Amino acid sequence: MPTVKSLKERDRPKAIGRLVNKLTKEMLWIYILRLLQERPHYGYELKELVSKRFGFSPATVSGYAIIYRLVKDGLIEEQRKGDSPRKYYGITERGSQAMREAKAFLIDTLNKVFDLTE
């Protein structure tokens, strides 16, 4: 049985393409928070890590738009490191709580849809 990655984009159903888009680009915030659970990162570094770790490349503008929204929502915060001009971002307690809730929701949903066991 072919995997999503093994199917060429033109060969897979449009519904699968929409699913991939929804679970990657439209949920970029969850990937960013996941990386920030490990340690603080700066914006461009997050974009590169998303590509390496999760296998999709978000647009730079999209990444920064999500970062600014996460800061505004109190899920991450700016952190300065010494005299570096770079803005680093770290996850807040509120962001950690959001990740716990997101994980529980996704596990519950996938279990219901695919009858998975933990």
PDB file of N, CA and C in Angstrom:
ATOM      1  N   MET A   1       0.847  -1.177   0.000  1.00  0.00           N
ATOM      2  CA  MET A   1       0.000   0.000   0.000  1.00  0.00           C
ATOM      3  C   MET A   1       0.891   1.239   0.000  1.00  0.00           C
ATOM      4  N   PRO A   2       0.687   2.174  -0.917  1.00  0.00           N
ATOM      5  CA  PRO A   2       1.548   3.356  -0.992  1.00  0.00           C
ATOM      6  C   PRO A   2       1.292   4.302   0.180  1.00  0.00           C
ATOM      7  N   THR A   3       2.350   5.003   0.574  1.00  0.00           N
ATOM      8  CA  THR A   3       2.209   6.016   1.615  1.00  0.00           C
ATOM      9  C   THR A   3       1.908   7.354   0.961  1.00  0.00           C
ATOM     10  N   VAL A   4       1.519   8.335   1.777  1.00  0.00           N
ATOM     11  CA  VAL A   4       1.227   9.672   1.246  1.00  0.00           C
ATOM     12  C   VAL A   4       2.451  10.232   0.548  1.00  0.00           C
ATOM     13  N   LYS A   5       3.638  10.024   1.133  1.00  0.00           N
ATOM     14  CA  LYS A   5       4.854  10.560   0.529  1.00  0.00           C
ATOM     15  C   LYS A   5       5.222   9.840  -0.761  1.00  0.00           C
ATOM     16  N   SER A   6       4.839   8.569  -0.897  1.00  0.00           N
ATOM     17  CA  SER A   6       5.227   7.822  -2.088  1.00  0.00           C
ATOM     18  C   SER A   6       4.348   8.149  -3.291  1.00  0.00           C
ATOM     19  N   LEU A   7       3.173   8.658  -3.046  1.00  0.00           N
ATOM     20  CA  LEU A   7       2.298   9.028  -4.155  1.00  0.00           C
ATOM     21  C   LEU A   7       2.692  10.394  -4.695  1.00  0.00           C
ATOM     22  N   LYS A   8       2.798  10.499  -5.993  1.00  0.00           N
ATOM     23  CA  LYS A   8       3.053  11.806  -6.582  1.00  0.00           C
ATOM     24  C   LYS A   8       1.813  12.650  -6.385  1.00  0.00           C
ATOM     25  N   GLU A   9       2.013  13.939  -6.228  1.00  0.00           N
ATOM     26  CA  GLU A   9       0.890  14.823  -5.924  1.00  0.00           C
ATOM     27  C   GLU A   9      -0.249  14.676  -6.920  1.00  0.00           C
ATOM     28  N   ARG A  10       0.078  14.512  -8.177  1.00  0.00           N
ATOM     29  CA  ARG A  10      -0.974  14.413  -9.198  1.00  0.00           C
ATOM     30  C   ARG A  10      -1.735  13.094  -9.114  1.00  0.00           C
ATOM     31  N   ASP A  11      -1.125  12.073  -8.485  1.00  0.00           N
ATOM     32  CA  ASP A  11      -1.740  10.751  -8.396  1.00  0.00           C
ATOM     33  C   ASP A  11      -2.608  10.547  -7.158  1.00  0.00           C
ATOM     34  N   ARG A  12      -2.481  11.402  -6.189  1.00  0.00           N
ATOM     35  CA  ARG A  12      -3.259  11.190  -4.966  1.00  0.00           C
ATOM     36  C   ARG A  12      -4.563  11.980  -5.007  1.00  0.00           C
ATOM     37  N   PRO A  13      -5.567  11.504  -4.320  1.00  0.00           N
ATOM     38  CA  PRO A  13      -6.849  12.212  -4.298  1.00  0.00           C
ATOM     39  C   PRO A  13      -6.693  13.612  -3.707  1.00  0.00           C
ATOM     40  N   LYS A  14      -7.486  14.545  -4.215  1.00  0.00           N
ATOM     41  CA  LYS A  14      -7.427  15.919  -3.713  1.00  0.00           C
ATOM     42  C   LYS A  14      -7.718  15.978  -2.217  1.00  0.00           C
ATOM     43  N   ALA A  15      -8.564  15.085  -1.746  1.00  0.00           N
ATOM     44  CA  ALA A  15      -8.886  15.061  -0.315  1.00  0.00           C
ATOM     45  C   ALA A  15      -7.631  14.816   0.526  1.00  0.00           C
ATOM     46  N   ILE A  16      -6.727  13.979   0.036  1.00  0.00           N
ATOM     47  CA  ILE A  16      -5.482  13.711   0.763  1.00  0.00           C
ATOM     48  C   ILE A  16      -4.608  14.960   0.762  1.00  0.00           C
ATOM     49  N   GLY A  17      -4.543  15.640  -0.355  1.00  0.00           N
ATOM     50  CA  GLY A  17      -3.794  16.895  -0.422  1.00  0.00           C
ATOM     51  C   GLY A  17      -4.321  17.919   0.574  1.00  0.00           C
ATOM     52  N   ARG A  18      -5.647  18.005   0.681  1.00  0.00           N
ATOM     53  CA  ARG A  18      -6.250  18.934   1.650  1.00  0.00           C
ATOM     54  C   ARG A  18      -5.925  18.511   3.077  1.00  0.00           C
ATOM     55  N   LEU A  19      -5.970  17.209   3.336  1.00  0.00           N
ATOM     56  CA  LEU A  19      -5.643  16.703   4.667  1.00  0.00           C
ATOM     57  C   LEU A  19      -4.199  17.047   5.036  1.00  0.00           C
ATOM     58  N   VAL A  20      -3.286  16.799   4.119  1.00  0.00           N
ATOM     59  CA  VAL A  20      -1.874  17.106   4.363  1.00  0.00           C
ATOM     60  C   VAL A  20      -1.707  18.593   4.655  1.00  0.00           C
ATOM     61  N   ASN A  21      -2.355  19.444   3.868  1.00  0.00           N
ATOM     62  CA  ASN A  21      -2.269  20.889   4.077  1.00  0.00           C
ATOM     63  C   ASN A  21      -2.817  21.280   5.448  1.00  0.00           C
ATOM     64  N   LYS A  22      -3.957  20.715   5.818  1.00  0.00           N
ATOM     65  CA  LYS A  22      -4.574  21.031   7.115  1.00  0.00           C
ATOM     66  C   LYS A  22      -3.668  20.612   8.272  1.00  0.00           C
ATOM     67  N   LEU A  23      -3.036  19.454   8.152  1.00  0.00           N
ATOM     68  CA  LEU A  23      -2.233  18.930   9.250  1.00  0.00           C
ATOM     69  C   LEU A  23      -0.791  19.431   9.257  1.00  0.00           C
ATOM     70  N   THR A  24      -0.419  20.205   8.267  1.00  0.00           N
ATOM     71  CA  THR A  24       0.938  20.764   8.245  1.00  0.00           C
ATOM     72  C   THR A  24       0.866  22.285   8.292  1.00  0.00           C
ATOM     73  N   LYS A  25       0.681  22.903   7.164  1.00  0.00           N
ATOM     74  CA  LYS A  25       0.728  24.365   7.083  1.00  0.00           C
ATOM     75  C   LYS A  25      -0.313  25.048   7.953  1.00  0.00           C
ATOM     76  N   GLU A  26      -1.507  24.508   8.016  1.00  0.00           N
ATOM     77  CA  GLU A  26      -2.558  25.157   8.794  1.00  0.00           C
ATOM     78  C   GLU A  26      -2.441  24.877  10.288  1.00  0.00           C
ATOM     79  N   MET A  27      -1.568  23.947  10.651  1.00  0.00           N
ATOM     80  CA  MET A  27      -1.330  23.664  12.072  1.00  0.00           C
ATOM     81  C   MET A  27       0.124  23.950  12.438  1.00  0.00           C
ATOM     82  N   LEU A  28       0.720  24.890  11.751  1.00  0.00           N
ATOM     83  CA  LEU A  28       2.126  25.217  11.970  1.00  0.00           C
ATOM     84  C   LEU A  28       2.411  25.556  13.430  1.00  0.00           C
ATOM     85  N   TRP A  29       1.461  26.168  14.092  1.00  0.00           N
ATOM     86  CA  TRP A  29       1.655  26.563  15.493  1.00  0.00           C
ATOM     87  C   TRP A  29       2.038  25.382  16.378  1.00  0.00           C
ATOM     88  N   ILE A  30       1.447  24.222  16.121  1.00  0.00           N
ATOM     89  CA  ILE A  30       1.719  23.067  16.977  1.00  0.00           C
ATOM     90  C   ILE A  30       3.145  22.546  16.758  1.00  0.00           C
ATOM     91  N   TYR A  31       3.640  22.639  15.548  1.00  0.00           N
ATOM     92  CA  TYR A  31       5.012  22.224  15.252  1.00  0.00           C
ATOM     93  C   TYR A  31       6.007  23.184  15.912  1.00  0.00           C
ATOM     94  N   ILE A  32       5.686  24.476  15.873  1.00  0.00           N
ATOM     95  CA  ILE A  32       6.543  25.483  16.507  1.00  0.00           C
ATOM     96  C   ILE A  32       6.582  25.262  18.016  1.00  0.00           C
ATOM     97  N   LEU A  33       5.423  25.076  18.625  1.00  0.00           N
ATOM     98  CA  LEU A  33       5.400  24.832  20.069  1.00  0.00           C
ATOM     99  C   LEU A  33       6.171  23.564  20.426  1.00  0.00           C
ATOM    100  N   ARG A  34       6.047  22.537  19.603  1.00  0.00           N
ATOM    101  CA  ARG A  34       6.768  21.279  19.866  1.00  0.00           C
ATOM    102  C   ARG A  34       8.273  21.513  19.902  1.00  0.00           C
ATOM    103  N   LEU A  35       8.776  22.273  18.942  1.00  0.00           N
ATOM    104  CA  LEU A  35      10.210  22.564  18.908  1.00  0.00           C
ATOM    105  C   LEU A  35      10.633  23.410  20.106  1.00  0.00           C
ATOM    106  N   LEU A  36       9.774  24.334  20.505  1.00  0.00           N
ATOM    107  CA  LEU A  36      10.107  25.206  21.631  1.00  0.00           C
ATOM    108  C   LEU A  36      10.019  24.482  22.969  1.00  0.00           C
ATOM    109  N   GLN A  37       9.399  23.322  23.004  1.00  0.00           N
ATOM    110  CA  GLN A  37       9.415  22.518  24.229  1.00  0.00           C
ATOM    111  C   GLN A  37      10.834  22.030  24.529  1.00  0.00           C
ATOM    112  N   GLU A  38      11.650  21.923  23.508  1.00  0.00           N
ATOM    113  CA  GLU A  38      13.017  21.425  23.675  1.00  0.00           C
ATOM    114  C   GLU A  38      13.959  22.513  24.168  1.00  0.00           C
ATOM    115  N   ARG A  39      13.866  23.699  23.561  1.00  0.00           N
ATOM    116  CA  ARG A  39      14.699  24.847  23.945  1.00  0.00           C
ATOM    117  C   ARG A  39      14.255  26.059  23.138  1.00  0.00           C
ATOM    118  N   PRO A  40      14.659  27.272  23.550  1.00  0.00           N
ATOM    119  CA  PRO A  40      14.322  28.466  22.764  1.00  0.00           C
ATOM    120  C   PRO A  40      15.012  28.438  21.393  1.00  0.00           C
ATOM    121  N   HIS A  41      14.335  29.007  20.414  1.00  0.00           N
ATOM    122  CA  HIS A  41      14.870  29.121  19.055  1.00  0.00           C
ATOM    123  C   HIS A  41      14.527  30.497  18.502  1.00  0.00           C
ATOM    124  N   TYR A  42      15.268  30.928  17.483  1.00  0.00           N
ATOM    125  CA  TYR A  42      14.904  32.159  16.784  1.00  0.00           C
ATOM    126  C   TYR A  42      14.066  31.798  15.563  1.00  0.00           C
ATOM    127  N   GLY A  43      13.399  32.795  14.993  1.00  0.00           N
ATOM    128  CA  GLY A  43      12.403  32.570  13.953  1.00  0.00           C
ATOM    129  C   GLY A  43      12.862  31.747  12.766  1.00  0.00           C
ATOM    130  N   TYR A  44      13.952  32.158  12.130  1.00  0.00           N
ATOM    131  CA  TYR A  44      14.399  31.441  10.936  1.00  0.00           C
ATOM    132  C   TYR A  44      14.834  30.017  11.285  1.00  0.00           C
ATOM    133  N   GLU A  45      15.417  29.861  12.455  1.00  0.00           N
ATOM    134  CA  GLU A  45      15.826  28.532  12.913  1.00  0.00           C
ATOM    135  C   GLU A  45      14.606  27.608  13.036  1.00  0.00           C
ATOM    136  N   LEU A  46      13.495  28.145  13.519  1.00  0.00           N
ATOM    137  CA  LEU A  46      12.261  27.357  13.625  1.00  0.00           C
ATOM    138  C   LEU A  46      11.803  26.877  12.255  1.00  0.00           C
ATOM    139  N   LYS A  47      11.865  27.765  11.264  1.00  0.00           N
ATOM    140  CA  LYS A  47      11.467  27.398   9.898  1.00  0.00           C
ATOM    141  C   LYS A  47      12.326  26.233   9.393  1.00  0.00           C
ATOM    142  N   GLU A  48      13.625  26.327   9.592  1.00  0.00           N
ATOM    143  CA  GLU A  48      14.540  25.275   9.147  1.00  0.00           C
ATOM    144  C   GLU A  48      14.285  23.960   9.891  1.00  0.00           C
ATOM    145  N   LEU A  49      14.048  24.052  11.181  1.00  0.00           N
ATOM    146  CA  LEU A  49      13.803  22.842  11.970  1.00  0.00           C
ATOM    147  C   LEU A  49      12.486  22.168  11.603  1.00  0.00           C
ATOM    148  N   VAL A  50      11.468  22.957  11.303  1.00  0.00           N
ATOM    149  CA  VAL A  50      10.191  22.372  10.862  1.00  0.00           C
ATOM    150  C   VAL A  50      10.432  21.544   9.605  1.00  0.00           C
ATOM    151  N   SER A  51      11.196  22.101   8.689  1.00  0.00           N
ATOM    152  CA  SER A  51      11.487  21.396   7.443  1.00  0.00           C
ATOM    153  C   SER A  51      12.256  20.096   7.707  1.00  0.00           C
ATOM    154  N   LYS A  52      13.298  20.172   8.522  1.00  0.00           N
ATOM    155  CA  LYS A  52      14.124  18.989   8.796  1.00  0.00           C
ATOM    156  C   LYS A  52      13.384  17.924   9.600  1.00  0.00           C
ATOM    157  N   ARG A  53      12.713  18.349  10.649  1.00  0.00           N
ATOM    158  CA  ARG A  53      12.104  17.387  11.576  1.00  0.00           C
ATOM    159  C   ARG A  53      10.757  16.859  11.122  1.00  0.00           C
ATOM    160  N   PHE A  54       9.974  17.733  10.471  1.00  0.00           N
ATOM    161  CA  PHE A  54       8.593  17.354  10.176  1.00  0.00           C
ATOM    162  C   PHE A  54       8.309  17.198   8.686  1.00  0.00           C
ATOM    163  N   GLY A  55       9.289  17.517   7.833  1.00  0.00           N
ATOM    164  CA  GLY A  55       9.179  17.194   6.422  1.00  0.00           C
ATOM    165  C   GLY A  55       8.334  18.109   5.557  1.00  0.00           C
ATOM    166  N   PHE A  56       8.081  19.327   6.003  1.00  0.00           N
ATOM    167  CA  PHE A  56       7.415  20.291   5.129  1.00  0.00           C
ATOM    168  C   PHE A  56       8.026  21.660   5.374  1.00  0.00           C
ATOM    169  N   SER A  57       7.980  22.500   4.356  1.00  0.00           N
ATOM    170  CA  SER A  57       8.626  23.809   4.430  1.00  0.00           C
ATOM    171  C   SER A  57       7.601  24.925   4.418  1.00  0.00           C
ATOM    172  N   PRO A  58       7.336  25.510   5.576  1.00  0.00           N
ATOM    173  CA  PRO A  58       6.401  26.634   5.605  1.00  0.00           C
ATOM    174  C   PRO A  58       7.055  27.879   5.016  1.00  0.00           C
ATOM    175  N   ALA A  59       6.246  28.753   4.464  1.00  0.00           N
ATOM    176  CA  ALA A  59       6.760  30.024   3.965  1.00  0.00           C
ATOM    177  C   ALA A  59       7.297  30.826   5.147  1.00  0.00           C
ATOM    178  N   THR A  60       8.380  31.554   4.926  1.00  0.00           N
ATOM    179  CA  THR A  60       8.977  32.353   5.994  1.00  0.00           C
ATOM    180  C   THR A  60       7.962  33.313   6.590  1.00  0.00           C
ATOM    181  N   VAL A  61       7.196  33.973   5.744  1.00  0.00           N
ATOM    182  CA  VAL A  61       6.190  34.931   6.217  1.00  0.00           C
ATOM    183  C   VAL A  61       5.162  34.234   7.099  1.00  0.00           C
ATOM    184  N   SER A  62       4.734  33.053   6.711  1.00  0.00           N
ATOM    185  CA  SER A  62       3.761  32.298   7.512  1.00  0.00           C
ATOM    186  C   SER A  62       4.318  31.991   8.890  1.00  0.00           C
ATOM    187  N   GLY A  63       5.561  31.577   8.932  1.00  0.00           N
ATOM    188  CA  GLY A  63       6.188  31.252  10.207  1.00  0.00           C
ATOM    189  C   GLY A  63       6.210  32.433  11.149  1.00  0.00           C
ATOM    190  N   TYR A  64       6.606  33.592  10.630  1.00  0.00           N
ATOM    191  CA  TYR A  64       6.652  34.780  11.490  1.00  0.00           C
ATOM    192  C   TYR A  64       5.258  35.233  11.892  1.00  0.00           C
ATOM    193  N   ALA A  65       4.289  35.109  11.011  1.00  0.00           N
ATOM    194  CA  ALA A  65       2.909  35.478  11.362  1.00  0.00           C
ATOM    195  C   ALA A  65       2.408  34.598  12.509  1.00  0.00           C
ATOM    196  N   ILE A  66       2.722  33.314  12.457  1.00  0.00           N
ATOM    197  CA  ILE A  66       2.313  32.394  13.524  1.00  0.00           C
ATOM    198  C   ILE A  66       3.051  32.731  14.816  1.00  0.00           C
ATOM    199  N   ILE A  67       4.341  33.013  14.717  1.00  0.00           N
ATOM    200  CA  ILE A  67       5.121  33.374  15.906  1.00  0.00           C
ATOM    201  C   ILE A  67       4.512  34.595  16.583  1.00  0.00           C
ATOM    202  N   TYR A  68       4.207  35.634  15.811  1.00  0.00           N
ATOM    203  CA  TYR A  68       3.634  36.853  16.401  1.00  0.00           C
ATOM    204  C   TYR A  68       2.290  36.556  17.059  1.00  0.00           C
ATOM    205  N   ARG A  69       1.491  35.709  16.442  1.00  0.00           N
ATOM    206  CA  ARG A  69       0.190  35.348  17.022  1.00  0.00           C
ATOM    207  C   ARG A  69       0.377  34.553  18.317  1.00  0.00           C
ATOM    208  N   LEU A  70       1.346  33.646  18.330  1.00  0.00           N
ATOM    209  CA  LEU A  70       1.611  32.863  19.541  1.00  0.00           C
ATOM    210  C   LEU A  70       2.086  33.757  20.689  1.00  0.00           C
ATOM    211  N   VAL A  71       2.898  34.767  20.369  1.00  0.00           N
ATOM    212  CA  VAL A  71       3.330  35.732  21.388  1.00  0.00           C
ATOM    213  C   VAL A  71       2.120  36.493  21.907  1.00  0.00           C
ATOM    214  N   LYS A  72       1.301  36.991  20.990  1.00  0.00           N
ATOM    215  CA  LYS A  72       0.109  37.763  21.370  1.00  0.00           C
ATOM    216  C   LYS A  72      -0.828  36.942  22.253  1.00  0.00           C
ATOM    217  N   ASP A  73      -0.947  35.652  21.951  1.00  0.00           N
ATOM    218  CA  ASP A  73      -1.834  34.767  22.713  1.00  0.00           C
ATOM    219  C   ASP A  73      -1.202  34.268  24.018  1.00  0.00           C
ATOM    220  N   GLY A  74       0.061  34.619  24.248  1.00  0.00           N
ATOM    221  CA  GLY A  74       0.728  34.219  25.485  1.00  0.00           C
ATOM    222  C   GLY A  74       1.215  32.783  25.508  1.00  0.00           C
ATOM    223  N   LEU A  75       1.307  32.154  24.335  1.00  0.00           N
ATOM    224  CA  LEU A  75       1.773  30.764  24.280  1.00  0.00           C
ATOM    225  C   LEU A  75       3.293  30.665  24.196  1.00  0.00           C
ATOM    226  N   ILE A  76       3.919  31.712  23.666  1.00  0.00           N
ATOM    227  CA  ILE A  76       5.377  31.807  23.644  1.00  0.00           C
ATOM    228  C   ILE A  76       5.754  33.229  24.043  1.00  0.00           C
ATOM    229  N   GLU A  77       7.038  33.415  24.361  1.00  0.00           N
ATOM    230  CA  GLU A  77       7.510  34.747  24.727  1.00  0.00           C
ATOM    231  C   GLU A  77       8.870  34.999  24.098  1.00  0.00           C
ATOM    232  N   GLU A  78       9.141  36.284  23.846  1.00  0.00           N
ATOM    233  CA  GLU A  78      10.446  36.679  23.331  1.00  0.00           C
ATOM    234  C   GLU A  78      11.473  36.537  24.431  1.00  0.00           C
ATOM    235  N   GLN A  79      12.655  36.100  24.046  1.00  0.00           N
ATOM    236  CA  GLN A  79      13.766  35.995  24.984  1.00  0.00           C
ATOM    237  C   GLN A  79      15.007  36.526  24.292  1.00  0.00           C
ATOM    238  N   ARG A  80      15.757  37.334  24.983  1.00  0.00           N
ATOM    239  CA  ARG A  80      17.020  37.841  24.438  1.00  0.00           C
ATOM    240  C   ARG A  80      18.163  37.017  25.006  1.00  0.00           C
ATOM    241  N   LYS A  81      19.159  36.787  24.185  1.00  0.00           N
ATOM    242  CA  LYS A  81      20.350  36.060  24.627  1.00  0.00           C
ATOM    243  C   LYS A  81      21.543  37.000  24.510  1.00  0.00           C
ATOM    244  N   GLY A  82      21.976  37.509  25.629  1.00  0.00           N
ATOM    245  CA  GLY A  82      23.137  38.395  25.645  1.00  0.00           C
ATOM    246  C   GLY A  82      22.937  39.607  24.756  1.00  0.00           C
ATOM    247  N   ASP A  83      23.956  39.917  23.962  1.00  0.00           N
ATOM    248  CA  ASP A  83      23.914  41.071  23.060  1.00  0.00           C
ATOM    249  C   ASP A  83      23.432  40.706  21.666  1.00  0.00           C
ATOM    250  N   SER A  84      22.966  39.500  21.488  1.00  0.00           N
ATOM    251  CA  SER A  84      22.527  39.045  20.166  1.00  0.00           C
ATOM    252  C   SER A  84      21.335  39.869  19.682  1.00  0.00           C
ATOM    253  N   PRO A  85      21.375  40.306  18.423  1.00  0.00           N
ATOM    254  CA  PRO A  85      20.228  41.046  17.878  1.00  0.00           C
ATOM    255  C   PRO A  85      19.035  40.135  17.570  1.00  0.00           C
ATOM    256  N   ARG A  86      19.271  38.840  17.589  1.00  0.00           N
ATOM    257  CA  ARG A  86      18.195  37.887  17.284  1.00  0.00           C
ATOM    258  C   ARG A  86      17.185  37.831  18.418  1.00  0.00           C
ATOM    259  N   LYS A  87      15.937  37.647  18.027  1.00  0.00           N
ATOM    260  CA  LYS A  87      14.880  37.408  18.998  1.00  0.00           C
ATOM    261  C   LYS A  87      14.696  35.900  19.103  1.00  0.00           C
ATOM    262  N   TYR A  88      14.892  35.395  20.281  1.00  0.00           N
ATOM    263  CA  TYR A  88      14.626  33.985  20.542  1.00  0.00           C
ATOM    264  C   TYR A  88      13.234  33.875  21.142  1.00  0.00           C
ATOM    265  N   TYR A  89      12.634  32.723  20.969  1.00  0.00           N
ATOM    266  CA  TYR A  89      11.294  32.497  21.499  1.00  0.00           C
ATOM    267  C   TYR A  89      11.304  31.237  22.343  1.00  0.00           C
ATOM    268  N   GLY A  90      10.618  31.314  23.464  1.00  0.00           N
ATOM    269  CA  GLY A  90      10.486  30.168  24.351  1.00  0.00           C
ATOM    270  C   GLY A  90       9.020  29.931  24.664  1.00  0.00           C
ATOM    271  N   ILE A  91       8.691  28.708  24.969  1.00  0.00           N
ATOM    272  CA  ILE A  91       7.309  28.353  25.274  1.00  0.00           C
ATOM    273  C   ILE A  91       6.979  28.791  26.705  1.00  0.00           C
ATOM    274  N   THR A  92       5.772  29.241  26.924  1.00  0.00           N
ATOM    275  CA  THR A  92       5.302  29.629  28.252  1.00  0.00           C
ATOM    276  C   THR A  92       4.539  28.460  28.878  1.00  0.00           C
ATOM    277  N   GLU A  93       4.175  28.611  30.138  1.00  0.00           N
ATOM    278  CA  GLU A  93       3.353  27.584  30.791  1.00  0.00           C
ATOM    279  C   GLU A  93       2.024  27.443  30.055  1.00  0.00           C
ATOM    280  N   ARG A  94       1.478  28.575  29.619  1.00  0.00           N
ATOM    281  CA  ARG A  94       0.220  28.544  28.859  1.00  0.00           C
ATOM    282  C   ARG A  94       0.408  27.762  27.551  1.00  0.00           C
ATOM    283  N   GLY A  95       1.556  27.934  26.901  1.00  0.00           N
ATOM    284  CA  GLY A  95       1.864  27.192  25.683  1.00  0.00           C
ATOM    285  C   GLY A  95       2.016  25.706  25.949  1.00  0.00           C
ATOM    286  N   SER A  96       2.645  25.369  27.072  1.00  0.00           N
ATOM    287  CA  SER A  96       2.788  23.954  27.451  1.00  0.00           C
ATOM    288  C   SER A  96       1.425  23.327  27.706  1.00  0.00           C
ATOM    289  N   GLN A  97       0.542  24.075  28.348  1.00  0.00           N
ATOM    290  CA  GLN A  97      -0.814  23.582  28.591  1.00  0.00           C
ATOM    291  C   GLN A  97      -1.555  23.383  27.266  1.00  0.00           C
ATOM    292  N   ALA A  98      -1.383  24.324  26.339  1.00  0.00           N
ATOM    293  CA  ALA A  98      -2.019  24.200  25.019  1.00  0.00           C
ATOM    294  C   ALA A  98      -1.534  22.940  24.309  1.00  0.00           C
ATOM    295  N   MET A  99      -0.246  22.624  24.441  1.00  0.00           N
ATOM    296  CA  MET A  99       0.287  21.408  23.818  1.00  0.00           C
ATOM    297  C   MET A  99      -0.307  20.155  24.451  1.00  0.00           C
ATOM    298  N   ARG A 100      -0.461  20.154  25.758  1.00  0.00           N
ATOM    299  CA  ARG A 100      -1.065  18.989  26.413  1.00  0.00           C
ATOM    300  C   ARG A 100      -2.503  18.788  25.933  1.00  0.00           C
ATOM    301  N   GLU A 101      -3.240  19.896  25.833  1.00  0.00           N
ATOM    302  CA  GLU A 101      -4.626  19.813  25.366  1.00  0.00           C
ATOM    303  C   GLU A 101      -4.691  19.383  23.905  1.00  0.00           C
ATOM    304  N   ALA A 102      -3.789  19.925  23.070  1.00  0.00           N
ATOM    305  CA  ALA A 102      -3.768  19.560  21.649  1.00  0.00           C
ATOM    306  C   ALA A 102      -3.446  18.076  21.483  1.00  0.00           C
ATOM    307  N   LYS A 103      -2.478  17.594  22.249  1.00  0.00           N
ATOM    308  CA  LYS A 103      -2.101  16.175  22.177  1.00  0.00           C
ATOM    309  C   LYS A 103      -3.276  15.285  22.562  1.00  0.00           C
ATOM    310  N   ALA A 104      -3.933  15.613  23.656  1.00  0.00           N
ATOM    311  CA  ALA A 104      -5.083  14.817  24.105  1.00  0.00           C
ATOM    312  C   ALA A 104      -6.188  14.830  23.057  1.00  0.00           C
ATOM    313  N   PHE A 105      -6.445  15.998  22.481  1.00  0.00           N
ATOM    314  CA  PHE A 105      -7.485  16.116  21.461  1.00  0.00           C
ATOM    315  C   PHE A 105      -7.142  15.284  20.228  1.00  0.00           C
ATOM    316  N   LEU A 106      -5.906  15.403  19.746  1.00  0.00           N
ATOM    317  CA  LEU A 106      -5.506  14.671  18.539  1.00  0.00           C
ATOM    318  C   LEU A 106      -5.521  13.162  18.770  1.00  0.00           C
ATOM    319  N   ILE A 107      -5.021  12.722  19.902  1.00  0.00           N
ATOM    320  CA  ILE A 107      -5.039  11.280  20.201  1.00  0.00           C
ATOM    321  C   ILE A 107      -6.473  10.775  20.267  1.00  0.00           C
ATOM    322  N   ASP A 108      -7.328  11.507  20.958  1.00  0.00           N
ATOM    323  CA  ASP A 108      -8.734  11.112  21.079  1.00  0.00           C
ATOM    324  C   ASP A 108      -9.415  11.071  19.711  1.00  0.00           C
ATOM    325  N   THR A 109      -9.172  12.089  18.910  1.00  0.00           N
ATOM    326  CA  THR A 109      -9.797  12.167  17.584  1.00  0.00           C
ATOM    327  C   THR A 109      -9.313  11.040  16.678  1.00  0.00           C
ATOM    328  N   LEU A 110      -7.996  10.831  16.622  1.00  0.00           N
ATOM    329  CA  LEU A 110      -7.460   9.758  15.775  1.00  0.00           C
ATOM    330  C   LEU A 110      -7.942   8.393  16.242  1.00  0.00           C
ATOM    331  N   ASN A 111      -8.046   8.218  17.549  1.00  0.00           N
ATOM    332  CA  ASN A 111      -8.553   6.953  18.071  1.00  0.00           C
ATOM    333  C   ASN A 111      -9.993   6.721  17.630  1.00  0.00           C
ATOM    334  N   LYS A 112     -10.803   7.759  17.676  1.00  0.00           N
ATOM    335  CA  LYS A 112     -12.204   7.627  17.261  1.00  0.00           C
ATOM    336  C   LYS A 112     -12.323   7.349  15.764  1.00  0.00           C
ATOM    337  N   VAL A 113     -11.533   8.048  14.975  1.00  0.00           N
ATOM    338  CA  VAL A 113     -11.630   7.913  13.518  1.00  0.00           C
ATOM    339  C   VAL A 113     -11.071   6.576  13.041  1.00  0.00           C
ATOM    340  N   PHE A 114      -9.933   6.175  13.578  1.00  0.00           N
ATOM    341  CA  PHE A 114      -9.238   4.989  13.073  1.00  0.00           C
ATOM    342  C   PHE A 114      -9.283   3.798  14.027  1.00  0.00           C
ATOM    343  N   ASP A 115     -10.011   3.915  15.118  1.00  0.00           N
ATOM    344  CA  ASP A 115     -10.134   2.843  16.097  1.00  0.00           C
ATOM    345  C   ASP A 115      -8.760   2.369  16.563  1.00  0.00           C
ATOM    346  N   LEU A 116      -7.929   3.314  16.949  1.00  0.00           N
ATOM    347  CA  LEU A 116      -6.579   3.020  17.429  1.00  0.00           C
ATOM    348  C   LEU A 116      -6.615   2.697  18.911  1.00  0.00           C
ATOM    349  N   THR A 117      -5.611   1.992  19.364  1.00  0.00           N
ATOM    350  CA  THR A 117      -5.464   1.770  20.797  1.00  0.00           C
ATOM    351  C   THR A 117      -4.171   2.420  21.235  1.00  0.00           C
ATOM    352  N   GLU A 118      -4.157   2.926  22.435  1.00  0.00           N
ATOM    353  CA  GLU A 118      -2.950   3.604  22.940  1.00  0.00           C
ATOM    354  C   GLU A 118      -1.919   2.626  23.413  1.00  0.00           C
TER     355      GLU A 118
END
